[in-house]
N, C-alpha and C. Protein backbone atom coordinates (compact mmCIF):
# COMPACT_ATOMS: atom_id res chain seq x y z
N MET A 1 13.32 16.08 36.78
CA MET A 1 12.97 16.33 35.40
C MET A 1 13.02 15.04 34.59
N LYS A 2 14.04 14.19 34.84
CA LYS A 2 14.16 12.93 34.09
C LYS A 2 13.00 12.00 34.41
N VAL A 3 12.56 11.97 35.66
CA VAL A 3 11.44 11.11 36.06
C VAL A 3 10.17 11.55 35.34
N ARG A 4 9.98 12.84 35.27
CA ARG A 4 8.80 13.38 34.59
C ARG A 4 8.81 13.01 33.10
N ALA A 5 9.94 13.13 32.45
CA ALA A 5 10.06 12.78 31.04
C ALA A 5 9.84 11.29 30.84
N LEU A 6 10.34 10.47 31.75
CA LEU A 6 10.16 9.02 31.65
C LEU A 6 8.68 8.65 31.81
N ILE A 7 8.00 9.28 32.73
CA ILE A 7 6.57 9.01 32.94
C ILE A 7 5.78 9.44 31.71
N LEU A 8 6.09 10.61 31.15
CA LEU A 8 5.39 11.09 29.97
C LEU A 8 5.62 10.16 28.77
N THR A 9 6.86 9.71 28.59
CA THR A 9 7.19 8.80 27.50
C THR A 9 6.46 7.48 27.66
N SER A 10 6.42 6.94 28.87
CA SER A 10 5.72 5.68 29.13
C SER A 10 4.23 5.82 28.84
N ALA A 11 3.65 6.94 29.26
CA ALA A 11 2.22 7.16 29.00
C ALA A 11 1.94 7.21 27.51
N LEU A 12 2.79 7.87 26.74
CA LEU A 12 2.60 7.94 25.29
C LEU A 12 2.74 6.56 24.63
N VAL A 13 3.69 5.75 25.10
CA VAL A 13 3.86 4.40 24.55
C VAL A 13 2.62 3.56 24.82
N PHE A 14 2.09 3.60 26.04
CA PHE A 14 0.90 2.81 26.37
C PHE A 14 -0.33 3.31 25.61
N ALA A 15 -0.45 4.62 25.45
CA ALA A 15 -1.58 5.17 24.68
C ALA A 15 -1.49 4.74 23.23
N GLY A 16 -0.29 4.76 22.66
CA GLY A 16 -0.09 4.32 21.28
C GLY A 16 -0.42 2.85 21.11
N ALA A 17 -0.03 2.03 22.06
CA ALA A 17 -0.33 0.60 22.00
C ALA A 17 -1.83 0.37 22.08
N ALA A 18 -2.52 1.11 22.94
CA ALA A 18 -3.97 0.95 23.07
C ALA A 18 -4.67 1.32 21.77
N VAL A 19 -4.23 2.39 21.13
CA VAL A 19 -4.84 2.80 19.87
C VAL A 19 -4.60 1.76 18.79
N SER A 20 -3.38 1.20 18.73
CA SER A 20 -3.07 0.23 17.67
C SER A 20 -3.85 -1.07 17.84
N PHE A 21 -4.29 -1.38 19.06
CA PHE A 21 -5.07 -2.59 19.28
C PHE A 21 -6.56 -2.30 19.41
N ALA A 22 -6.97 -1.08 19.09
CA ALA A 22 -8.38 -0.71 19.19
C ALA A 22 -9.22 -1.57 18.25
N GLN A 23 -10.39 -1.86 18.70
CA GLN A 23 -11.30 -2.70 17.93
C GLN A 23 -11.85 -1.89 16.75
N SER A 24 -11.98 -2.55 15.62
CA SER A 24 -12.57 -1.94 14.43
C SER A 24 -14.06 -1.72 14.66
N PRO A 25 -14.63 -0.64 14.11
CA PRO A 25 -16.08 -0.45 14.22
C PRO A 25 -16.88 -1.60 13.60
N MET A 26 -16.26 -2.35 12.68
CA MET A 26 -16.94 -3.48 12.03
C MET A 26 -17.06 -4.68 12.96
N ASP A 27 -16.08 -4.83 13.89
CA ASP A 27 -16.03 -6.02 14.74
C ASP A 27 -17.30 -6.21 15.55
N GLY A 28 -17.67 -7.47 15.73
CA GLY A 28 -18.82 -7.81 16.55
C GLY A 28 -19.88 -8.55 15.76
N THR A 29 -20.99 -8.79 16.42
CA THR A 29 -22.11 -9.50 15.81
C THR A 29 -23.21 -8.49 15.49
N TRP A 30 -23.74 -8.63 14.29
CA TRP A 30 -24.76 -7.72 13.77
C TRP A 30 -26.00 -8.52 13.41
N LYS A 31 -27.16 -8.04 13.84
CA LYS A 31 -28.43 -8.73 13.56
C LYS A 31 -29.26 -7.89 12.59
N LEU A 32 -29.82 -8.57 11.58
CA LEU A 32 -30.62 -7.91 10.55
C LEU A 32 -31.85 -7.25 11.16
N ASN A 33 -32.07 -5.99 10.79
CA ASN A 33 -33.28 -5.26 11.16
C ASN A 33 -34.16 -5.26 9.90
N GLU A 34 -35.04 -6.25 9.81
CA GLU A 34 -35.85 -6.42 8.60
C GLU A 34 -36.76 -5.23 8.32
N ALA A 35 -37.24 -4.56 9.36
CA ALA A 35 -38.14 -3.42 9.16
C ALA A 35 -37.46 -2.27 8.42
N LYS A 36 -36.16 -2.12 8.58
CA LYS A 36 -35.41 -1.03 7.94
C LYS A 36 -34.72 -1.47 6.65
N SER A 37 -34.80 -2.74 6.32
CA SER A 37 -34.08 -3.30 5.16
C SER A 37 -34.98 -3.45 3.95
N HIS A 38 -34.36 -3.45 2.78
CA HIS A 38 -35.07 -3.75 1.53
C HIS A 38 -34.29 -4.86 0.83
N ILE A 39 -34.79 -6.10 0.96
CA ILE A 39 -34.12 -7.25 0.38
C ILE A 39 -35.10 -7.89 -0.60
N PRO A 40 -34.75 -7.92 -1.90
CA PRO A 40 -35.66 -8.48 -2.90
C PRO A 40 -35.93 -9.97 -2.67
N ALA A 41 -37.09 -10.42 -3.10
CA ALA A 41 -37.44 -11.84 -3.01
C ALA A 41 -36.39 -12.68 -3.74
N GLY A 42 -36.01 -13.77 -3.13
CA GLY A 42 -35.04 -14.68 -3.73
C GLY A 42 -33.59 -14.34 -3.42
N ALA A 43 -33.34 -13.17 -2.84
CA ALA A 43 -31.97 -12.79 -2.49
C ALA A 43 -31.57 -13.46 -1.19
N ILE A 44 -30.28 -13.60 -0.99
CA ILE A 44 -29.78 -14.13 0.28
C ILE A 44 -30.09 -13.13 1.38
N LYS A 45 -30.67 -13.62 2.46
CA LYS A 45 -30.97 -12.78 3.61
C LYS A 45 -30.07 -13.24 4.76
N SER A 46 -29.05 -12.43 5.05
CA SER A 46 -28.14 -12.75 6.14
C SER A 46 -28.71 -12.20 7.44
N ASP A 47 -29.21 -13.10 8.28
CA ASP A 47 -29.85 -12.70 9.53
C ASP A 47 -28.83 -12.20 10.55
N THR A 48 -27.67 -12.85 10.60
CA THR A 48 -26.59 -12.39 11.48
C THR A 48 -25.28 -12.41 10.72
N VAL A 49 -24.46 -11.41 11.02
CA VAL A 49 -23.13 -11.29 10.43
C VAL A 49 -22.16 -11.00 11.58
N THR A 50 -21.05 -11.72 11.59
CA THR A 50 -20.05 -11.52 12.63
C THR A 50 -18.71 -11.19 12.00
N TYR A 51 -18.10 -10.09 12.45
CA TYR A 51 -16.75 -9.70 12.06
C TYR A 51 -15.86 -9.95 13.27
N GLU A 52 -14.77 -10.70 13.05
CA GLU A 52 -13.89 -11.08 14.14
C GLU A 52 -12.44 -10.90 13.71
N SER A 53 -11.72 -10.01 14.39
CA SER A 53 -10.30 -9.81 14.09
C SER A 53 -9.53 -11.05 14.52
N GLN A 54 -8.64 -11.51 13.62
CA GLN A 54 -7.79 -12.67 13.90
C GLN A 54 -6.37 -12.32 13.48
N GLY A 55 -5.64 -11.64 14.37
CA GLY A 55 -4.30 -11.18 14.02
C GLY A 55 -4.40 -10.12 12.94
N ASP A 56 -3.71 -10.33 11.82
CA ASP A 56 -3.75 -9.39 10.70
C ASP A 56 -4.99 -9.58 9.83
N ASN A 57 -5.72 -10.65 10.03
CA ASN A 57 -6.89 -10.97 9.21
C ASN A 57 -8.19 -10.65 9.94
N VAL A 58 -9.26 -10.69 9.16
CA VAL A 58 -10.61 -10.55 9.69
C VAL A 58 -11.41 -11.74 9.19
N LYS A 59 -12.20 -12.33 10.08
CA LYS A 59 -13.08 -13.43 9.68
C LYS A 59 -14.51 -12.88 9.68
N VAL A 60 -15.20 -13.07 8.55
CA VAL A 60 -16.59 -12.63 8.42
C VAL A 60 -17.45 -13.88 8.24
N THR A 61 -18.40 -14.07 9.14
CA THR A 61 -19.30 -15.22 9.10
C THR A 61 -20.72 -14.71 8.96
N THR A 62 -21.48 -15.33 8.04
CA THR A 62 -22.89 -14.96 7.90
C THR A 62 -23.76 -16.20 8.09
N ASP A 63 -24.90 -15.99 8.70
CA ASP A 63 -25.92 -17.04 8.82
C ASP A 63 -27.24 -16.42 8.39
N GLY A 64 -27.93 -17.12 7.50
CA GLY A 64 -29.19 -16.59 7.01
C GLY A 64 -29.96 -17.62 6.22
N THR A 65 -30.71 -17.12 5.22
CA THR A 65 -31.52 -18.00 4.39
C THR A 65 -31.53 -17.49 2.96
N VAL A 66 -31.77 -18.39 2.03
CA VAL A 66 -32.08 -18.04 0.65
C VAL A 66 -33.25 -18.93 0.25
N ALA A 67 -34.36 -18.29 -0.09
CA ALA A 67 -35.60 -19.01 -0.43
C ALA A 67 -35.98 -20.02 0.65
N GLY A 68 -35.81 -19.62 1.92
CA GLY A 68 -36.18 -20.47 3.04
C GLY A 68 -35.17 -21.53 3.44
N THR A 69 -34.10 -21.69 2.67
CA THR A 69 -33.06 -22.67 2.98
C THR A 69 -31.94 -22.00 3.77
N PRO A 70 -31.53 -22.60 4.90
CA PRO A 70 -30.46 -22.01 5.70
C PRO A 70 -29.14 -21.90 4.93
N THR A 71 -28.41 -20.81 5.18
CA THR A 71 -27.09 -20.61 4.58
C THR A 71 -26.09 -20.25 5.66
N HIS A 72 -24.84 -20.57 5.40
CA HIS A 72 -23.74 -20.22 6.30
C HIS A 72 -22.51 -19.98 5.43
N THR A 73 -21.96 -18.76 5.47
CA THR A 73 -20.75 -18.47 4.70
C THR A 73 -19.64 -18.03 5.65
N GLU A 74 -18.41 -18.24 5.18
CA GLU A 74 -17.24 -17.79 5.93
C GLU A 74 -16.22 -17.22 4.95
N TRP A 75 -15.59 -16.12 5.37
CA TRP A 75 -14.55 -15.45 4.59
C TRP A 75 -13.49 -14.99 5.58
N THR A 76 -12.24 -15.24 5.27
CA THR A 76 -11.15 -14.74 6.10
C THR A 76 -10.13 -14.08 5.18
N GLY A 77 -9.76 -12.86 5.50
CA GLY A 77 -8.79 -12.12 4.70
C GLY A 77 -8.51 -10.77 5.30
N LYS A 78 -8.01 -9.89 4.47
CA LYS A 78 -7.69 -8.53 4.87
C LYS A 78 -8.57 -7.56 4.09
N PHE A 79 -8.71 -6.35 4.62
CA PHE A 79 -9.46 -5.31 3.93
C PHE A 79 -8.51 -4.55 3.00
N ASP A 80 -7.88 -5.29 2.07
CA ASP A 80 -6.84 -4.73 1.21
C ASP A 80 -7.20 -4.75 -0.27
N GLY A 81 -8.45 -5.07 -0.60
CA GLY A 81 -8.88 -5.07 -1.99
C GLY A 81 -8.53 -6.32 -2.77
N LYS A 82 -7.87 -7.28 -2.14
CA LYS A 82 -7.50 -8.52 -2.83
C LYS A 82 -8.58 -9.57 -2.62
N ASP A 83 -8.71 -10.47 -3.61
CA ASP A 83 -9.68 -11.57 -3.51
C ASP A 83 -9.20 -12.62 -2.52
N TYR A 84 -10.10 -13.01 -1.62
CA TYR A 84 -9.85 -14.11 -0.69
C TYR A 84 -11.01 -15.08 -0.83
N PRO A 85 -10.75 -16.38 -0.68
CA PRO A 85 -11.81 -17.37 -0.86
C PRO A 85 -12.93 -17.25 0.17
N MET A 86 -14.14 -17.56 -0.29
CA MET A 86 -15.31 -17.59 0.55
C MET A 86 -15.92 -18.99 0.45
N THR A 87 -16.39 -19.51 1.55
CA THR A 87 -17.04 -20.81 1.53
C THR A 87 -18.51 -20.66 1.88
N GLY A 88 -19.33 -21.59 1.40
CA GLY A 88 -20.73 -21.66 1.78
C GLY A 88 -21.70 -21.01 0.82
N SER A 89 -21.20 -20.37 -0.24
CA SER A 89 -22.10 -19.71 -1.18
C SER A 89 -22.00 -20.37 -2.55
N SER A 90 -23.13 -20.61 -3.17
CA SER A 90 -23.12 -21.14 -4.53
C SER A 90 -23.03 -20.01 -5.55
N MET A 91 -23.24 -18.78 -5.10
CA MET A 91 -23.25 -17.63 -6.01
C MET A 91 -21.89 -16.95 -6.14
N ASP A 92 -21.03 -17.07 -5.12
CA ASP A 92 -19.74 -16.39 -5.11
C ASP A 92 -18.69 -17.32 -4.51
N ASP A 93 -17.46 -17.20 -5.01
CA ASP A 93 -16.39 -17.99 -4.40
C ASP A 93 -15.25 -17.15 -3.84
N THR A 94 -15.26 -15.83 -4.12
CA THR A 94 -14.29 -14.93 -3.50
C THR A 94 -14.98 -13.62 -3.13
N ARG A 95 -14.36 -12.95 -2.14
CA ARG A 95 -14.76 -11.60 -1.77
C ARG A 95 -13.50 -10.77 -1.65
N ALA A 96 -13.61 -9.49 -1.97
CA ALA A 96 -12.53 -8.54 -1.75
C ALA A 96 -13.14 -7.34 -1.04
N TYR A 97 -12.60 -7.02 0.12
CA TYR A 97 -13.01 -5.84 0.85
C TYR A 97 -11.91 -4.80 0.76
N THR A 98 -12.28 -3.54 0.58
CA THR A 98 -11.33 -2.44 0.59
C THR A 98 -11.76 -1.45 1.65
N GLN A 99 -10.82 -1.09 2.53
CA GLN A 99 -11.10 -0.12 3.59
C GLN A 99 -11.14 1.27 2.97
N VAL A 100 -12.31 1.90 2.99
CA VAL A 100 -12.47 3.26 2.47
C VAL A 100 -12.09 4.27 3.55
N ASN A 101 -12.62 4.06 4.75
CA ASN A 101 -12.26 4.82 5.94
C ASN A 101 -12.60 3.95 7.14
N ALA A 102 -12.47 4.48 8.35
CA ALA A 102 -12.67 3.66 9.56
C ALA A 102 -14.06 3.04 9.64
N HIS A 103 -15.05 3.66 8.99
CA HIS A 103 -16.43 3.18 9.10
C HIS A 103 -17.00 2.64 7.79
N THR A 104 -16.19 2.59 6.72
CA THR A 104 -16.72 2.20 5.41
C THR A 104 -15.81 1.21 4.71
N LEU A 105 -16.43 0.17 4.15
CA LEU A 105 -15.74 -0.81 3.31
C LEU A 105 -16.43 -0.85 1.95
N SER A 106 -15.65 -1.08 0.89
CA SER A 106 -16.28 -1.43 -0.38
C SER A 106 -16.08 -2.94 -0.52
N ILE A 107 -16.99 -3.59 -1.21
CA ILE A 107 -16.95 -5.04 -1.33
C ILE A 107 -17.19 -5.43 -2.79
N THR A 108 -16.43 -6.44 -3.23
CA THR A 108 -16.62 -7.02 -4.55
C THR A 108 -16.65 -8.54 -4.38
N MET A 109 -17.72 -9.16 -4.89
CA MET A 109 -17.84 -10.62 -4.84
C MET A 109 -17.72 -11.16 -6.26
N LYS A 110 -17.05 -12.32 -6.37
CA LYS A 110 -16.84 -12.92 -7.69
C LYS A 110 -17.15 -14.41 -7.67
N LYS A 111 -17.48 -14.90 -8.86
CA LYS A 111 -17.65 -16.34 -9.08
C LYS A 111 -16.81 -16.68 -10.30
N ALA A 112 -15.85 -17.60 -10.13
CA ALA A 112 -14.95 -18.00 -11.21
C ALA A 112 -14.27 -16.79 -11.86
N GLY A 113 -13.89 -15.80 -11.03
CA GLY A 113 -13.18 -14.64 -11.52
C GLY A 113 -14.04 -13.53 -12.08
N LYS A 114 -15.35 -13.76 -12.21
CA LYS A 114 -16.26 -12.76 -12.77
C LYS A 114 -17.01 -12.06 -11.64
N VAL A 115 -17.03 -10.72 -11.68
CA VAL A 115 -17.73 -9.94 -10.66
C VAL A 115 -19.22 -10.25 -10.71
N THR A 116 -19.77 -10.60 -9.55
CA THR A 116 -21.21 -10.88 -9.43
C THR A 116 -21.94 -9.81 -8.64
N THR A 117 -21.23 -9.22 -7.67
CA THR A 117 -21.86 -8.26 -6.77
C THR A 117 -20.84 -7.22 -6.33
N THR A 118 -21.28 -5.97 -6.24
CA THR A 118 -20.46 -4.91 -5.67
C THR A 118 -21.29 -4.19 -4.63
N GLY A 119 -20.62 -3.49 -3.73
CA GLY A 119 -21.38 -2.74 -2.73
C GLY A 119 -20.53 -2.03 -1.72
N ARG A 120 -21.22 -1.53 -0.70
CA ARG A 120 -20.59 -0.80 0.39
C ARG A 120 -21.15 -1.26 1.72
N VAL A 121 -20.29 -1.25 2.73
CA VAL A 121 -20.67 -1.56 4.10
C VAL A 121 -20.31 -0.33 4.93
N VAL A 122 -21.30 0.25 5.61
CA VAL A 122 -21.05 1.46 6.38
C VAL A 122 -21.56 1.27 7.81
N VAL A 123 -20.67 1.53 8.78
CA VAL A 123 -21.07 1.52 10.18
C VAL A 123 -21.29 2.96 10.61
N SER A 124 -22.41 3.20 11.28
CA SER A 124 -22.75 4.56 11.73
C SER A 124 -21.69 5.11 12.67
N ALA A 125 -21.65 6.42 12.81
CA ALA A 125 -20.66 7.08 13.66
C ALA A 125 -20.75 6.60 15.11
N ASP A 126 -21.96 6.28 15.58
CA ASP A 126 -22.10 5.80 16.96
C ASP A 126 -21.83 4.31 17.10
N GLY A 127 -21.57 3.61 15.98
CA GLY A 127 -21.22 2.20 16.02
C GLY A 127 -22.37 1.25 16.29
N LYS A 128 -23.60 1.74 16.25
CA LYS A 128 -24.74 0.89 16.60
C LYS A 128 -25.46 0.30 15.39
N THR A 129 -25.23 0.86 14.20
CA THR A 129 -25.94 0.43 13.00
C THR A 129 -24.95 0.19 11.88
N ARG A 130 -25.22 -0.85 11.11
CA ARG A 130 -24.39 -1.20 9.96
C ARG A 130 -25.33 -1.33 8.76
N THR A 131 -25.01 -0.62 7.65
CA THR A 131 -25.85 -0.65 6.46
C THR A 131 -25.04 -1.23 5.31
N VAL A 132 -25.61 -2.24 4.66
CA VAL A 132 -24.96 -2.89 3.52
C VAL A 132 -25.81 -2.63 2.29
N THR A 133 -25.19 -2.02 1.28
CA THR A 133 -25.87 -1.77 0.02
C THR A 133 -25.16 -2.59 -1.05
N LEU A 134 -25.90 -3.47 -1.73
CA LEU A 134 -25.32 -4.36 -2.73
C LEU A 134 -26.01 -4.17 -4.08
N HIS A 135 -25.21 -4.33 -5.15
CA HIS A 135 -25.72 -4.26 -6.52
C HIS A 135 -25.26 -5.50 -7.26
N SER A 136 -26.19 -6.17 -7.93
CA SER A 136 -25.86 -7.39 -8.67
C SER A 136 -26.78 -7.50 -9.87
N THR A 137 -26.61 -8.58 -10.61
CA THR A 137 -27.47 -8.88 -11.75
C THR A 137 -28.06 -10.26 -11.52
N ASP A 138 -29.39 -10.38 -11.65
CA ASP A 138 -30.01 -11.68 -11.43
C ASP A 138 -29.80 -12.57 -12.67
N PRO A 139 -30.16 -13.85 -12.56
CA PRO A 139 -29.93 -14.77 -13.68
C PRO A 139 -30.56 -14.35 -15.01
N SER A 140 -31.62 -13.54 -14.94
CA SER A 140 -32.26 -13.11 -16.19
C SER A 140 -31.61 -11.85 -16.77
N GLY A 141 -30.58 -11.32 -16.07
CA GLY A 141 -29.87 -10.15 -16.56
C GLY A 141 -30.38 -8.83 -16.00
N LYS A 142 -31.37 -8.90 -15.11
CA LYS A 142 -31.95 -7.69 -14.52
C LYS A 142 -31.06 -7.20 -13.37
N LYS A 143 -30.81 -5.87 -13.33
CA LYS A 143 -30.04 -5.26 -12.24
C LYS A 143 -30.87 -5.30 -10.96
N VAL A 144 -30.22 -5.71 -9.87
CA VAL A 144 -30.89 -5.84 -8.57
C VAL A 144 -30.07 -5.10 -7.52
N SER A 145 -30.76 -4.32 -6.70
CA SER A 145 -30.11 -3.63 -5.58
C SER A 145 -30.81 -4.02 -4.30
N GLU A 146 -30.05 -4.05 -3.23
CA GLU A 146 -30.63 -4.34 -1.93
C GLU A 146 -29.93 -3.54 -0.86
N THR A 147 -30.66 -3.25 0.19
CA THR A 147 -30.11 -2.55 1.34
C THR A 147 -30.50 -3.34 2.58
N ALA A 148 -29.49 -3.74 3.33
CA ALA A 148 -29.73 -4.48 4.57
C ALA A 148 -29.18 -3.64 5.72
N VAL A 149 -30.01 -3.43 6.73
CA VAL A 149 -29.63 -2.65 7.90
C VAL A 149 -29.51 -3.60 9.09
N TYR A 150 -28.42 -3.47 9.81
CA TYR A 150 -28.12 -4.36 10.93
C TYR A 150 -27.93 -3.56 12.21
N ASP A 151 -28.33 -4.15 13.34
CA ASP A 151 -28.13 -3.56 14.65
C ASP A 151 -27.02 -4.32 15.36
N LYS A 152 -26.14 -3.58 16.03
CA LYS A 152 -25.04 -4.20 16.79
C LYS A 152 -25.60 -4.95 17.99
N GLN A 153 -25.12 -6.15 18.22
CA GLN A 153 -25.57 -6.97 19.34
C GLN A 153 -24.62 -6.81 20.52
């Protein structure tokens, strides 16, 4: 009886450890599916986005273009709603991600403490598609929305 209880306890401990180290649905490299996306002219077009767990933090790297000029941004932080610095963007200097559920993040981008962009990042239930919906205001004061759809690589 004691051996059976020990085996059951060990199995539960290993299962718990596996769950705690499970990969987030966000993790991995995502490639823009332009046919399914609606990105206004002049907006940043992130062709690839990579989410990489780094201990307690997540590193988000984007590579794309704005008006034909290559861009590269990096952000490292937690999905805790706090502002963390972002590099590589002239439009934003911090991002804050908040975990809504296992497949959804809300995002707020700021420049000099002022909110520039808000949105949501949603990974499909099957983990194959990621949809980013962003809302911002262009330099002329016009409200701009965009939807970018990404395929998991």
